[in-house]
Amino acid sequence: MALVGTIDPSWKDMSKYVVHFAKENPPRSAYDNAISILYERRIIAKNAFGAGRHLAPARKSVCFSEVPLHHLKRLADVRGQHGIGFRKEYVVERGGGPILYAYKDTIQAKAVNAMVHAAVNEPSSPIWDVAPFVDLPGTYGKSKYLYEWEREWRHVGNLHFAETDPAFLIIPEDLDDIARGFFASAKLEHVGPSYECPFIDPYWGEDKIEAALYP
């Protein structure tokens, strides 16, 4: 049974994949965090997102984006140049999926807010299974929470994966050979996981990305 819809290769506004970028978290660089993810084979859910994210029962999530791969520059410019990509089916199989947008002060936003606040003392309520997947975009005081352009997906809780699970790694082109050598040594010496999937640079154009993914 198909888990996600078919994407025609000519539909350049859609992607078969979701990506997670490792962000800088001083004193750790984005590179440091990416290496940690790859070594531990785990993306840690560090923050709660979605409706009711500040309430006690809110669940922490891992964030992804389904932005088309030839537009990864949009994310790299604000997140960094290191990340990991999975096929959408992989994330759906593990309970993840795309988020919904209920804009601030709309009927939908008010309904979701009412449900999470009504369940603030009921952590087992089904609404907490849905809340991480509903964002409430809008302006809150002096802050604007408007990130629809990220085309976000989420997975509640840490995402554990095997070294054969990623569809590709996101690595700057000038580090490609170094990374290949590092993983080859890890495999030979049995000191860590070895990733043999394609590597792509987030600033590559569509043709170069296609050539890397489908040689």
Protein backbone atom coordinates (compact mmCIF):
# COMPACT_ATOMS: atom_id res chain seq x y z
CA MET A 1 0.00 0.00 0.00
CA ALA A 2 1.36 3.40 -1.00
CA LEU A 3 2.17 5.65 1.94
CA VAL A 4 2.59 8.87 -0.05
CA GLY A 5 1.35 10.01 -3.43
CA THR A 6 3.26 9.61 -6.67
CA ILE A 7 5.36 12.59 -7.74
CA ASP A 8 5.88 13.02 -11.45
CA PRO A 9 9.53 13.84 -12.29
CA SER A 10 8.35 16.92 -14.19
CA TRP A 11 6.79 18.42 -11.04
CA LYS A 12 9.71 20.57 -9.97
CA ASP A 13 7.74 22.14 -7.12
CA MET A 14 7.59 18.85 -5.20
CA SER A 15 10.09 16.47 -3.63
CA LYS A 16 10.26 12.77 -2.84
CA TYR A 17 12.42 13.56 0.17
CA VAL A 18 12.51 15.40 3.47
CA VAL A 19 15.69 16.90 4.89
CA HIS A 20 16.95 17.75 8.35
CA PHE A 21 19.71 20.33 8.74
CA ALA A 22 22.09 20.32 11.68
CA LYS A 23 22.17 23.82 13.13
CA GLU A 24 24.98 25.67 14.84
CA ASN A 25 24.63 25.62 18.62
CA PRO A 26 27.65 27.47 20.06
CA PRO A 27 30.18 26.35 20.96
CA ARG A 28 29.24 23.43 18.68
CA SER A 29 29.23 24.12 14.94
CA ALA A 30 26.68 22.74 12.48
CA TYR A 31 29.41 20.34 11.35
CA ASP A 32 29.93 19.11 14.92
CA ASN A 33 26.22 18.49 15.35
CA ALA A 34 25.97 16.72 12.00
CA ILE A 35 28.82 14.37 12.94
CA SER A 36 27.10 13.64 16.25
CA ILE A 37 23.85 12.76 14.46
CA LEU A 38 25.63 10.46 12.02
CA TYR A 39 27.78 8.76 14.65
CA GLU A 40 24.89 8.16 17.06
CA ARG A 41 22.45 7.37 14.24
CA ARG A 42 19.90 9.50 16.01
CA ILE A 43 18.30 12.90 15.58
CA ILE A 44 17.35 14.18 19.01
CA ALA A 45 13.99 15.88 19.52
CA LYS A 46 15.10 18.88 21.56
CA ASN A 47 12.09 21.17 21.47
CA ALA A 48 8.30 21.08 21.47
CA PHE A 49 6.56 22.52 18.43
CA GLY A 50 3.00 23.08 17.30
CA ALA A 51 -0.19 24.00 19.10
CA GLY A 52 0.19 24.14 22.87
CA ARG A 53 3.96 23.80 22.65
CA HIS A 54 4.41 25.76 25.90
CA LEU A 55 1.99 23.55 27.84
CA ALA A 56 3.20 20.70 30.04
CA PRO A 57 1.93 17.74 27.93
CA ALA A 58 3.52 19.07 24.72
CA ARG A 59 5.81 16.56 23.03
CA LYS A 60 9.22 17.28 21.57
CA SER A 61 9.73 16.72 17.85
CA VAL A 62 12.34 16.46 15.13
CA CYS A 63 11.79 18.85 12.22
CA PHE A 64 12.26 18.22 8.51
CA SER A 65 11.55 20.13 5.31
CA GLU A 66 10.20 18.86 2.01
CA VAL A 67 11.56 21.80 0.03
CA PRO A 68 12.60 20.65 -3.48
CA LEU A 69 16.25 19.68 -3.45
CA HIS A 70 17.29 22.27 -6.03
CA HIS A 71 16.07 24.90 -3.54
CA LEU A 72 18.03 23.61 -0.53
CA LYS A 73 19.98 26.88 -0.62
CA ARG A 74 17.00 28.54 1.10
CA LEU A 75 17.51 26.35 4.14
CA ALA A 76 21.30 26.23 4.01
CA ASP A 77 21.47 30.02 4.12
CA VAL A 78 19.79 30.04 7.55
CA ARG A 79 20.52 26.56 8.94
CA GLY A 80 24.01 25.66 7.71
CA GLN A 81 25.41 23.32 5.06
CA HIS A 82 25.23 19.95 6.82
CA GLY A 83 22.23 17.65 6.96
CA ILE A 84 20.58 14.38 6.14
CA GLY A 85 17.78 13.34 3.80
CA PHE A 86 15.22 10.55 3.93
CA ARG A 87 12.51 9.39 1.58
CA LYS A 88 9.10 10.60 2.70
CA GLU A 89 7.87 7.03 3.10
CA TYR A 90 10.57 6.38 5.68
CA VAL A 91 9.33 9.18 7.93
CA VAL A 92 5.64 8.31 7.44
CA GLU A 93 6.32 4.68 8.40
CA ARG A 94 7.64 5.96 11.72
CA GLY A 95 4.68 8.16 12.51
CA GLY A 96 5.93 11.44 11.05
CA GLY A 97 4.30 13.62 8.44
CA PRO A 98 3.68 17.14 7.12
CA ILE A 99 2.38 19.81 9.45
CA LEU A 100 -0.84 21.80 9.07
CA TYR A 101 -1.23 25.57 9.34
CA ALA A 102 -4.02 27.17 11.35
CA TYR A 103 -3.40 30.89 11.08
CA LYS A 104 -3.57 32.97 14.24
CA ASP A 105 -7.06 34.13 15.24
CA THR A 106 -8.80 32.03 12.57
CA ILE A 107 -11.63 29.66 13.45
CA GLN A 108 -9.26 26.72 13.02
CA ALA A 109 -6.60 28.21 15.32
CA LYS A 110 -9.15 29.00 18.01
CA ALA A 111 -10.52 25.46 17.83
CA VAL A 112 -7.09 23.83 18.16
CA ASN A 113 -6.10 26.17 20.99
CA ALA A 114 -9.32 25.38 22.82
CA MET A 115 -8.68 21.65 22.54
CA VAL A 116 -5.07 21.74 23.81
CA HIS A 117 -5.94 24.00 26.73
CA ALA A 118 -8.89 21.78 27.64
CA ALA A 119 -6.49 18.81 27.74
CA VAL A 120 -3.71 20.50 29.70
CA ASN A 121 -4.25 18.06 32.59
CA GLU A 122 -4.80 15.08 30.30
CA PRO A 123 -1.44 14.10 28.77
CA SER A 124 -2.99 10.94 27.30
CA SER A 125 -5.59 12.90 25.33
CA PRO A 126 -5.47 12.20 21.57
CA ILE A 127 -5.09 15.92 20.91
CA TRP A 128 -1.45 15.64 21.99
CA ASP A 129 -0.87 13.22 19.12
CA VAL A 130 -2.13 15.89 16.71
CA ALA A 131 -0.85 19.10 18.33
CA PRO A 132 2.81 18.77 17.21
CA PHE A 133 1.59 18.71 13.61
CA VAL A 134 -0.44 21.94 13.77
CA ASP A 135 1.35 25.28 13.66
CA LEU A 136 -0.32 28.61 14.36
CA PRO A 137 1.49 31.12 12.12
CA GLY A 138 1.11 34.80 12.87
CA THR A 139 2.54 37.85 14.61
CA TYR A 140 2.84 37.54 18.36
CA GLY A 141 3.83 40.82 20.00
CA LYS A 142 7.07 41.88 18.33
CA SER A 143 7.77 38.41 16.94
CA LYS A 144 6.64 37.00 13.62
CA TYR A 145 6.12 33.25 13.51
CA LEU A 146 5.74 32.77 9.78
CA TYR A 147 7.70 29.83 8.40
CA GLU A 148 5.41 28.28 5.80
CA TRP A 149 8.23 28.49 3.27
CA GLU A 150 10.03 25.69 5.12
CA ARG A 151 7.37 23.16 4.08
CA GLU A 152 7.83 21.49 7.42
CA TRP A 153 7.41 17.87 8.44
CA ARG A 154 7.80 16.52 11.96
CA HIS A 155 8.49 13.31 13.82
CA VAL A 156 7.49 13.19 17.49
CA GLY A 157 10.37 12.02 19.66
CA ASN A 158 13.92 11.09 18.69
CA LEU A 159 14.41 9.56 15.26
CA HIS A 160 16.70 6.52 15.34
CA PHE A 161 18.04 5.22 12.03
CA ALA A 162 20.53 2.75 10.59
CA GLU A 163 23.44 3.85 8.44
CA THR A 164 21.66 2.38 5.40
CA ASP A 165 18.46 4.39 5.96
CA PRO A 166 19.36 7.90 4.72
CA ALA A 167 18.66 8.58 1.07
CA PHE A 168 21.57 11.05 1.01
CA LEU A 169 23.75 13.25 3.18
CA ILE A 170 24.04 17.01 2.73
CA ILE A 171 27.71 17.95 2.74
CA PRO A 172 29.64 20.86 1.18
CA GLU A 173 31.32 19.67 -2.00
CA ASP A 174 34.80 20.56 -0.76
CA LEU A 175 34.39 18.10 2.12
CA ASP A 176 33.10 15.24 -0.03
CA ASP A 177 36.39 13.34 -0.40
CA ILE A 178 37.28 13.85 3.27
CA ALA A 179 33.89 12.47 4.34
CA ARG A 180 34.17 9.47 2.01
CA GLY A 181 37.59 8.67 3.39
CA PHE A 182 36.42 9.07 6.97
CA PHE A 183 33.49 6.68 6.50
CA ALA A 184 35.63 4.18 4.60
CA SER A 185 38.11 4.11 7.50
CA ALA A 186 35.30 3.73 10.02
CA LYS A 187 34.02 0.70 8.14
CA LEU A 188 37.44 -0.85 7.76
CA GLU A 189 38.39 -0.34 11.40
CA HIS A 190 34.91 -1.05 12.83
CA VAL A 191 34.91 2.19 14.81
CA GLY A 192 31.62 3.69 13.64
CA PRO A 193 28.93 3.76 10.96
CA SER A 194 29.85 4.12 7.31
CA TYR A 195 27.48 6.02 5.02
CA GLU A 196 27.66 4.92 1.42
CA CYS A 197 24.61 6.84 0.20
CA PRO A 198 24.95 9.81 -2.21
CA PHE A 199 26.29 13.13 -0.94
CA ILE A 200 24.84 16.38 -2.21
CA ASP A 201 25.89 19.98 -1.72
CA PRO A 202 22.93 22.26 -0.81
CA TYR A 203 24.15 24.87 -3.30
CA TRP A 204 24.23 22.56 -6.30
CA GLY A 205 21.83 23.03 -9.17
CA GLU A 206 19.17 20.54 -10.18
CA ASP A 207 21.25 18.72 -12.81
CA LYS A 208 24.14 18.04 -10.46
CA ILE A 209 21.83 16.83 -7.70
CA GLU A 210 20.02 14.52 -10.11
CA ALA A 211 23.34 13.11 -11.31
CA ALA A 212 24.41 12.38 -7.71
CA LEU A 213 21.13 10.73 -6.72
CA TYR A 214 20.57 8.78 -9.93
CA PRO A 215 24.02 8.05 -11.44
